[in-house]
Amino acid sequence: MTGNSTPPDTAPQLDAEALRARTRELLAAHPPESTARTDFLRARFDAGLAWVHYPAGLGGLGVPRSLQPVVDAELEAAGAPDNDPRRIGIGLGMAAPTILRYGTDEQKRRFLRPLWVGDEVWCQLFSEPGAGSDLAALATRAVRDGDDWIVTGQKVWTSSAHLARWAILIARTDPDVPKHRGITYFVCDMTDPGVEVRPLRQITGEAEFNEVFLTDVRIPDAHRLGPVGDGWKVAQTTLMNERVSIGGSRLPREGGMIGPVVRTWRERPGLRTHDLHQRLLSLWVEAEVARLTGERLRQQLVAGHPGPEGSGMKLTFARLNQEISGLEVELLAEEGLLYGDWTMRRPELVDFTGRDAGYRYLRSKGNSIEGGTSEVLLNIVAERVLGLPSEPRNDKDAAWKDLAR
């Protein structure tokens, strides 16, 4: 079930100036001020200007990823709409690269366009109550029934499940082999019978993520990504891209969590102390180093698929967010303890910078859990980047059905 060939009509000969000309042709044919947002985005995809490094016919032109900013700059200068990437981040950052690498041609044509345009929101059905940090221990079962699979189990920590039309799902298809080898990867329709989404209320008062119960959900084999039993390998593509999308997103200088703290520091000099000044300087430098490292990581992605470096970026992202938000609360003293909204809400977006300091402090606690816990990522960096010996694993060769749970 792989379809990795690049269509023959890609255009690697296009350079930056040719991309600018192509973008201006799009703008002339579909003026942003008079074209409906969704119509413009669909036209952009069809012109190959959505993600230029994707193959022709799938929103791209088969040119280097490094040329995407050329297109983006032209569109931004013209006031063209974007596809609201924060709202559809799971689809863009996780589902799309996995579908591109492992999907059939039919799957790519069906899913990538509405995913990029934002017509269909995606979520991720990976973690389970008994398989969070040890994801390969998952117990959700998929049993073959003719041309379909019957899936039963429970998933948890599922961001955007209450908004999603589709989900990327891993399930156990063979309990008689070691846990990493008996997993298969599927695309699940969240509107199908048997899919139940329940909100999980967080420390912020919101419920941006959920638990999902799957009861005899029928998934066609045509919605399988990769070979049966090879889902762990497919999932690694998703996870590596997830960590890059969380920890390595493009930011301007003083973007992200450091921005509100710096603004408060500049606007309210009465809050300053020498100790806070030294700590802010240190965190500012670390945030800038992380931002520039993220730029370098994205340049490396031009040459291939993300590796374990993304885990290091995500580690840094979580630690910095927590330290910066803690400094902000301390800087604001008792004002930093105020929290503006405890209402049970079901947000479409996680808004770190548009809320108050109390929200940022509380929400950042989840950064070291979501997208892979910091403890697991430390192991990945130690083993795959530093080359240190792996931890002893007594269950590596045992059949999943024989493991204690």
Protein backbone atom coordinates (compact mmCIF):
# COMPACT_ATOMS: atom_id res chain seq x y z
CA MET A 1 0.00 0.00 0.00
CA THR A 2 2.69 2.51 -0.89
CA GLY A 3 2.62 5.12 -3.59
CA ASN A 4 5.78 7.17 -3.39
CA SER A 5 6.47 7.84 -7.05
CA THR A 6 6.62 11.47 -8.12
CA PRO A 7 4.35 12.30 -11.07
CA PRO A 8 6.30 12.87 -14.30
CA ASP A 9 5.01 16.44 -14.74
CA THR A 10 6.85 17.94 -11.77
CA ALA A 11 8.82 21.07 -12.53
CA PRO A 12 12.21 21.00 -10.78
CA GLN A 13 13.49 23.57 -13.27
CA LEU A 14 11.43 26.33 -11.64
CA ASP A 15 13.53 28.91 -9.81
CA ALA A 16 12.53 31.71 -7.43
CA GLU A 17 11.66 34.16 -10.20
CA ALA A 18 9.52 31.61 -12.01
CA LEU A 19 7.66 30.91 -8.76
CA ARG A 20 7.04 34.63 -8.27
CA ALA A 21 5.61 34.84 -11.78
CA ARG A 22 3.40 31.81 -11.18
CA THR A 23 2.16 33.32 -7.91
CA ARG A 24 1.34 36.62 -9.61
CA GLU A 25 -0.63 34.73 -12.25
CA LEU A 26 -2.66 33.12 -9.46
CA LEU A 27 -3.31 36.52 -7.87
CA ALA A 28 -4.35 38.03 -11.21
CA ALA A 29 -6.77 35.19 -11.95
CA HIS A 30 -8.16 35.10 -8.40
CA PRO A 31 -7.87 38.56 -6.80
CA PRO A 32 -7.94 38.04 -3.00
CA GLU A 33 -10.21 41.05 -2.44
CA SER A 34 -12.94 39.65 -4.67
CA THR A 35 -12.46 35.89 -4.39
CA ALA A 36 -14.04 33.80 -1.65
CA ARG A 37 -11.42 32.55 0.79
CA THR A 38 -12.00 28.84 0.17
CA ASP A 39 -12.08 29.35 -3.61
CA PHE A 40 -8.73 31.15 -3.46
CA LEU A 41 -7.15 28.40 -1.35
CA ARG A 42 -8.38 25.69 -3.72
CA ALA A 43 -6.99 27.62 -6.69
CA ARG A 44 -3.67 28.01 -4.88
CA PHE A 45 -3.51 24.27 -4.24
CA ASP A 46 -4.34 23.47 -7.85
CA ALA A 47 -1.61 25.87 -9.02
CA GLY A 48 0.99 23.91 -7.05
CA LEU A 49 1.63 26.76 -4.62
CA ALA A 50 0.27 25.17 -1.44
CA TRP A 51 3.44 23.30 -0.45
CA VAL A 52 5.81 23.64 -3.38
CA HIS A 53 7.97 20.64 -2.45
CA TYR A 54 5.03 18.24 -2.84
CA PRO A 55 4.55 16.55 -6.24
CA ALA A 56 2.65 18.22 -9.05
CA GLY A 57 -1.06 17.53 -8.81
CA LEU A 58 -0.87 17.28 -5.00
CA GLY A 59 -0.52 20.96 -4.20
CA GLY A 60 3.12 21.29 -5.18
CA LEU A 61 5.57 21.53 -8.04
CA GLY A 62 8.31 19.15 -6.96
CA VAL A 63 10.75 21.97 -6.21
CA PRO A 64 12.85 22.41 -3.04
CA ARG A 65 11.04 23.23 0.18
CA SER A 66 13.37 26.22 0.61
CA LEU A 67 11.45 28.03 -2.16
CA GLN A 68 8.16 28.08 -0.21
CA PRO A 69 8.95 31.46 1.44
CA VAL A 70 9.17 33.01 -2.05
CA VAL A 71 5.52 32.12 -2.66
CA ASP A 72 4.41 33.01 0.85
CA ALA A 73 5.98 36.48 0.67
CA GLU A 74 4.19 37.31 -2.59
CA LEU A 75 0.84 36.14 -1.23
CA GLU A 76 1.25 37.97 2.07
CA ALA A 77 2.14 41.21 0.29
CA ALA A 78 -1.04 40.87 -1.78
CA GLY A 79 -3.23 40.28 1.27
CA ALA A 80 -4.12 36.74 0.25
CA PRO A 81 -5.80 34.52 2.87
CA ASP A 82 -3.94 31.67 4.51
CA ASN A 83 -5.38 28.28 5.41
CA ASP A 84 -5.44 28.98 9.17
CA PRO A 85 -2.57 26.57 9.86
CA ARG A 86 -3.00 26.52 13.64
CA ARG A 87 -6.54 25.19 13.26
CA ILE A 88 -5.47 22.38 10.93
CA GLY A 89 -2.00 21.80 12.35
CA ILE A 90 -2.44 18.06 12.94
CA GLY A 91 -3.44 17.55 9.32
CA LEU A 92 -0.66 19.72 7.94
CA GLY A 93 2.14 18.67 10.24
CA MET A 94 1.37 15.00 10.85
CA ALA A 95 -1.24 13.44 8.57
CA ALA A 96 -0.10 15.01 5.29
CA PRO A 97 3.57 13.93 5.35
CA THR A 98 2.52 10.42 6.38
CA ILE A 99 -0.04 10.16 3.59
CA LEU A 100 2.49 11.52 1.11
CA ARG A 101 5.08 8.92 2.08
CA TYR A 102 2.89 5.84 2.58
CA GLY A 103 -0.42 6.56 0.92
CA THR A 104 -1.65 5.19 -2.39
CA ASP A 105 -2.15 7.59 -5.28
CA GLU A 106 -5.90 7.41 -4.65
CA GLN A 107 -5.44 8.26 -0.95
CA LYS A 108 -3.23 11.23 -1.78
CA ARG A 109 -5.76 12.61 -4.26
CA ARG A 110 -8.66 12.10 -1.85
CA PHE A 111 -7.17 13.51 1.34
CA LEU A 112 -4.45 16.09 0.66
CA ARG A 113 -6.45 18.86 -1.04
CA PRO A 114 -9.30 19.20 1.51
CA LEU A 115 -6.73 18.74 4.29
CA TRP A 116 -4.59 21.67 3.10
CA VAL A 117 -7.52 23.93 2.25
CA GLY A 118 -9.01 23.29 5.70
CA ASP A 119 -12.25 21.75 4.48
CA GLU A 120 -11.51 18.73 6.67
CA VAL A 121 -9.90 18.83 10.11
CA TRP A 122 -7.76 15.91 11.31
CA CYS A 123 -6.93 14.46 14.71
CA GLN A 124 -4.56 11.77 15.99
CA LEU A 125 -5.76 8.53 17.60
CA PHE A 126 -2.50 7.19 19.02
CA SER A 127 -2.21 7.41 22.83
CA GLU A 128 -4.29 5.21 25.13
CA PRO A 129 -4.90 5.14 28.89
CA GLY A 130 -2.46 2.23 29.18
CA ALA A 131 -0.13 3.23 26.35
CA GLY A 132 1.03 6.80 26.58
CA SER A 133 4.80 6.96 26.92
CA ASP A 134 4.99 3.33 25.82
CA LEU A 135 2.89 3.83 22.73
CA ALA A 136 3.79 0.43 21.24
CA ALA A 137 1.90 -1.24 24.11
CA LEU A 138 -1.42 -0.03 22.67
CA ALA A 139 -4.40 -2.35 23.04
CA THR A 140 -6.95 -1.01 20.55
CA ARG A 141 -7.74 -4.00 18.29
CA ALA A 142 -8.43 -4.13 14.58
CA VAL A 143 -9.78 -7.45 13.26
CA ARG A 144 -10.05 -8.18 9.55
CA ASP A 145 -13.57 -8.74 8.21
CA GLY A 146 -13.47 -9.17 4.46
CA ASP A 147 -12.54 -5.86 2.87
CA ASP A 148 -12.95 -4.04 6.20
CA TRP A 149 -11.39 -3.90 9.65
CA ILE A 150 -13.47 -3.83 12.85
CA VAL A 151 -11.80 -1.55 15.40
CA THR A 152 -12.53 -1.47 19.14
CA GLY A 153 -10.65 0.40 21.86
CA GLN A 154 -10.09 3.70 23.61
CA LYS A 155 -7.82 6.63 22.73
CA VAL A 156 -6.97 9.62 24.90
CA TRP A 157 -5.43 13.12 24.82
CA THR A 158 -6.90 13.59 21.35
CA SER A 159 -6.69 17.26 20.39
CA SER A 160 -9.40 18.53 18.02
CA ALA A 161 -11.34 15.26 17.99
CA HIS A 162 -14.53 17.28 18.57
CA LEU A 163 -13.81 19.17 15.32
CA ALA A 164 -12.25 16.45 13.19
CA ARG A 165 -13.66 14.67 10.18
CA TRP A 166 -10.69 12.29 9.88
CA ALA A 167 -8.19 10.69 12.23
CA ILE A 168 -4.87 8.95 11.83
CA LEU A 169 -5.18 5.76 13.89
CA ILE A 170 -2.89 2.93 14.93
CA ALA A 171 -4.36 -0.35 16.17
CA ARG A 172 -3.15 -3.82 17.04
CA THR A 173 -3.81 -6.33 14.28
CA ASP A 174 -1.64 -9.20 15.55
CA PRO A 175 -1.34 -9.86 19.32
CA ASP A 176 0.87 -12.92 18.79
CA VAL A 177 4.02 -11.00 17.79
CA PRO A 178 6.16 -8.48 19.74
CA LYS A 179 4.38 -5.21 20.40
CA HIS A 180 6.17 -3.12 17.76
CA ARG A 181 5.44 -5.60 14.96
CA GLY A 182 1.70 -6.22 15.33
CA ILE A 183 0.44 -2.68 14.68
CA THR A 184 -1.29 -1.35 11.55
CA TYR A 185 -1.95 2.26 10.56
CA PHE A 186 -5.39 3.45 9.36
CA VAL A 187 -7.36 6.54 8.43
CA CYS A 188 -10.56 6.63 10.49
CA ASP A 189 -13.73 8.53 9.61
CA MET A 190 -14.72 10.35 12.82
CA THR A 191 -18.35 10.51 11.69
CA ASP A 192 -18.72 6.73 11.46
CA PRO A 193 -21.03 4.83 13.84
CA GLY A 194 -19.18 3.61 16.92
CA VAL A 195 -16.95 6.69 17.28
CA GLU A 196 -17.73 8.56 20.51
CA VAL A 197 -15.87 11.72 21.52
CA ARG A 198 -15.92 12.88 25.16
CA PRO A 199 -14.27 16.11 26.39
CA LEU A 200 -11.42 16.11 28.89
CA ARG A 201 -11.35 19.22 31.03
CA GLN A 202 -7.88 20.62 31.58
CA ILE A 203 -6.30 22.68 34.34
CA THR A 204 -7.05 25.78 32.22
CA GLY A 205 -10.79 25.07 32.39
CA GLU A 206 -10.90 24.30 28.68
CA ALA A 207 -11.44 21.03 26.86
CA GLU A 208 -9.29 21.33 23.75
CA PHE A 209 -8.65 17.61 23.78
CA ASN A 210 -10.72 14.50 24.34
CA GLU A 211 -10.99 10.81 24.97
CA VAL A 212 -12.34 8.78 22.07
CA PHE A 213 -14.14 5.45 22.35
CA LEU A 214 -14.21 3.13 19.33
CA THR A 215 -16.86 0.42 19.37
CA ASP A 216 -16.93 -1.93 16.39
CA VAL A 217 -15.93 0.87 14.04
CA ARG A 218 -15.74 -0.41 10.47
CA ILE A 219 -12.75 0.91 8.52
CA PRO A 220 -12.28 -0.17 4.88
CA ASP A 221 -8.94 -1.71 4.01
CA ALA A 222 -8.65 1.01 1.37
CA HIS A 223 -8.05 3.39 4.30
CA ARG A 224 -4.99 1.51 5.51
CA LEU A 225 -1.62 3.28 5.24
CA GLY A 226 1.33 0.96 4.71
CA PRO A 227 1.47 -2.84 5.00
CA VAL A 228 -0.44 -4.81 7.62
CA GLY A 229 1.70 -5.12 10.74
CA ASP A 230 4.07 -2.32 9.70
CA GLY A 231 2.18 0.48 11.42
CA TRP A 232 4.94 1.27 13.89
CA LYS A 233 7.27 2.24 11.04
CA VAL A 234 4.54 4.40 9.49
CA ALA A 235 3.82 5.98 12.88
CA GLN A 236 7.47 7.01 13.25
CA THR A 237 7.03 9.29 10.23
CA THR A 238 4.02 10.88 11.94
CA LEU A 239 5.77 11.27 15.31
CA MET A 240 8.96 12.76 13.90
CA ASN A 241 6.96 15.29 11.89
CA GLU A 242 4.79 16.03 14.93
CA ARG A 243 7.81 16.98 17.04
CA VAL A 244 9.13 19.25 14.32
CA SER A 245 5.72 20.92 13.91
CA ILE A 246 5.41 21.49 17.69
CA GLY A 247 8.97 22.47 18.55
CA GLY A 248 10.27 23.84 15.27
CA SER A 249 7.55 26.16 13.98
CA ARG A 250 8.76 29.30 12.21
CA LEU A 251 8.77 32.36 14.49
CA PRO A 252 9.97 35.95 14.18
CA ARG A 253 12.44 37.30 16.72
CA GLU A 254 10.65 37.60 20.09
CA GLY A 255 7.88 35.40 18.73
CA GLY A 256 6.16 32.80 20.86
CA MET A 257 6.09 32.83 24.65
CA ILE A 258 9.03 35.22 25.08
CA GLY A 259 7.13 38.02 23.32
CA PRO A 260 4.52 38.88 26.00
CA VAL A 261 7.17 38.82 28.75
CA VAL A 262 9.44 41.19 26.87
CA ARG A 263 6.55 43.57 26.16
CA THR A 264 5.57 43.63 29.83
CA TRP A 265 9.20 44.27 30.80
CA ARG A 266 9.47 47.24 28.44
CA GLU A 267 6.08 48.76 29.19
CA ARG A 268 6.14 48.43 32.99
CA PRO A 269 9.60 49.34 34.33
CA GLY A 270 8.29 49.42 37.90
CA LEU A 271 8.17 45.62 37.90
CA ARG A 272 11.87 45.19 37.23
CA THR A 273 14.49 43.80 39.59
CA HIS A 274 18.13 42.90 38.91
CA ASP A 275 17.46 39.20 39.41
CA LEU A 276 14.48 39.18 37.04
CA HIS A 277 16.52 41.15 34.51
CA GLN A 278 19.29 38.54 34.48
CA ARG A 279 16.84 35.69 34.15
CA LEU A 280 14.96 37.40 31.34
CA LEU A 281 18.19 38.04 29.44
CA SER A 282 19.17 34.39 29.78
CA LEU A 283 15.77 33.15 28.57
CA TRP A 284 15.72 35.66 25.71
CA VAL A 285 19.05 34.33 24.48
CA GLU A 286 17.86 30.72 24.80
CA ALA A 287 14.64 31.51 22.93
CA GLU A 288 16.62 33.14 20.13
CA VAL A 289 19.02 30.18 19.92
CA ALA A 290 16.04 27.82 19.76
CA ARG A 291 14.44 29.93 17.02
CA LEU A 292 17.59 29.91 14.90
CA THR A 293 18.11 26.20 15.51
CA GLY A 294 14.58 25.64 14.28
CA GLU A 295 15.42 27.51 11.08
CA ARG A 296 18.43 25.26 10.56
CA LEU A 297 16.31 22.17 11.20
CA ARG A 298 13.79 23.26 8.57
CA GLN A 299 16.65 23.73 6.10
CA GLN A 300 17.80 20.18 6.83
CA LEU A 301 14.30 18.94 6.04
CA VAL A 302 14.79 20.08 2.46
CA ALA A 303 17.16 17.14 1.98
CA GLY A 304 14.88 14.46 3.42
CA HIS A 305 12.61 13.34 6.21
CA PRO A 306 12.88 14.62 9.79
CA GLY A 307 15.07 12.69 12.18
CA PRO A 308 15.60 12.65 15.93
CA GLU A 309 16.71 16.29 15.90
CA GLY A 310 13.04 17.22 16.05
CA SER A 311 12.85 15.51 19.44
CA GLY A 312 15.58 17.80 20.72
CA MET A 313 13.71 20.86 19.45
CA LYS A 314 10.49 19.74 21.08
CA LEU A 315 12.35 19.17 24.38
CA THR A 316 13.69 22.72 24.26
CA PHE A 317 10.29 24.14 23.33
CA ALA A 318 8.62 22.56 26.38
CA ARG A 319 11.29 23.58 28.87
CA LEU A 320 11.53 27.15 27.60
CA ASN A 321 7.76 27.66 27.58
CA GLN A 322 7.50 26.54 31.18
CA GLU A 323 10.44 28.62 32.38
CA ILE A 324 9.34 31.72 30.47
CA SER A 325 5.73 31.53 31.68
CA GLY A 326 6.97 31.01 35.24
CA LEU A 327 9.12 34.12 34.98
CA GLU A 328 6.16 36.08 33.60
CA VAL A 329 3.95 35.14 36.55
CA GLU A 330 6.74 36.06 38.97
CA LEU A 331 7.32 39.37 37.17
CA LEU A 332 3.64 40.32 37.49
CA ALA A 333 3.55 39.26 41.19
CA GLU A 334 -0.01 38.93 42.49
CA GLU A 335 -1.38 40.16 39.15
CA GLY A 336 0.20 37.13 37.53
CA LEU A 337 -2.03 34.85 39.59
CA LEU A 338 -5.18 36.27 38.01
CA TYR A 339 -6.94 34.06 35.51
CA GLY A 340 -9.53 35.59 33.27
CA ASP A 341 -11.71 32.69 32.17
CA TRP A 342 -12.45 29.37 33.88
CA THR A 343 -15.38 28.69 31.56
CA MET A 344 -15.62 25.19 30.14
CA ARG A 345 -14.84 25.93 26.49
CA ARG A 346 -14.20 23.81 23.41
CA PRO A 347 -11.64 25.95 21.53
CA GLU A 348 -10.55 25.45 17.97
CA LEU A 349 -7.11 26.92 18.66
CA VAL A 350 -4.58 26.91 21.48
CA ASP A 351 -3.83 30.61 21.94
CA PHE A 352 -0.65 31.03 23.96
CA THR A 353 -0.07 34.73 23.28
CA GLY A 354 -3.58 36.16 23.16
CA ARG A 355 -4.52 35.20 26.72
CA ASP A 356 -3.34 36.29 30.16
CA ALA A 357 -0.20 35.20 32.00
CA GLY A 358 -2.10 32.77 34.22
CA TYR A 359 -3.38 30.88 31.21
CA ARG A 360 0.09 30.64 29.67
CA TYR A 361 1.56 29.36 32.93
CA LEU A 362 -1.07 26.64 33.31
CA ARG A 363 -1.24 25.60 29.65
CA SER A 364 2.52 25.30 29.28
CA LYS A 365 2.53 22.45 31.79
CA GLY A 366 1.15 20.25 29.03
CA ASN A 367 4.02 21.05 26.66
CA SER A 368 6.26 18.44 28.29
CA ILE A 369 3.58 15.75 27.81
CA GLU A 370 1.95 16.36 24.41
CA GLY A 371 3.79 15.20 21.32
CA GLY A 372 5.93 12.80 23.36
CA THR A 373 6.87 13.24 27.01
CA SER A 374 10.15 14.93 27.78
CA GLU A 375 11.39 11.74 29.44
CA VAL A 376 10.82 9.69 26.28
CA LEU A 377 12.38 12.38 24.10
CA LEU A 378 15.47 12.44 26.30
CA ASN A 379 15.88 8.73 25.61
CA ILE A 380 15.51 9.34 21.86
CA VAL A 381 18.15 12.06 21.87
CA ALA A 382 20.48 9.95 24.02
CA GLU A 383 20.21 6.87 21.81
CA ARG A 384 19.76 8.29 18.30
CA VAL A 385 21.72 11.53 18.49
CA LEU A 386 24.41 10.91 21.11
CA GLY A 387 24.76 7.18 20.38
CA LEU A 388 24.43 6.11 24.01
CA PRO A 389 23.39 2.53 24.87
CA SER A 390 19.67 1.98 24.99
CA GLU A 391 17.90 1.11 28.21
CA PRO A 392 17.38 -2.63 28.86
CA ARG A 393 13.99 -3.72 27.49
CA ASN A 394 12.83 -7.11 28.71
CA ASP A 395 9.65 -7.05 26.63
CA LYS A 396 11.23 -6.34 23.27
CA ASP A 397 10.94 -9.89 21.88
CA ALA A 398 7.90 -11.10 23.83
CA ALA A 399 4.50 -11.47 22.16
CA TRP A 400 2.19 -8.60 23.04
CA LYS A 401 -0.48 -10.96 24.37
CA ASP A 402 2.00 -12.25 26.99
CA LEU A 403 2.92 -8.83 28.39
CA ALA A 404 1.70 -7.76 31.81
CA ARG A 405 -0.85 -4.97 31.61
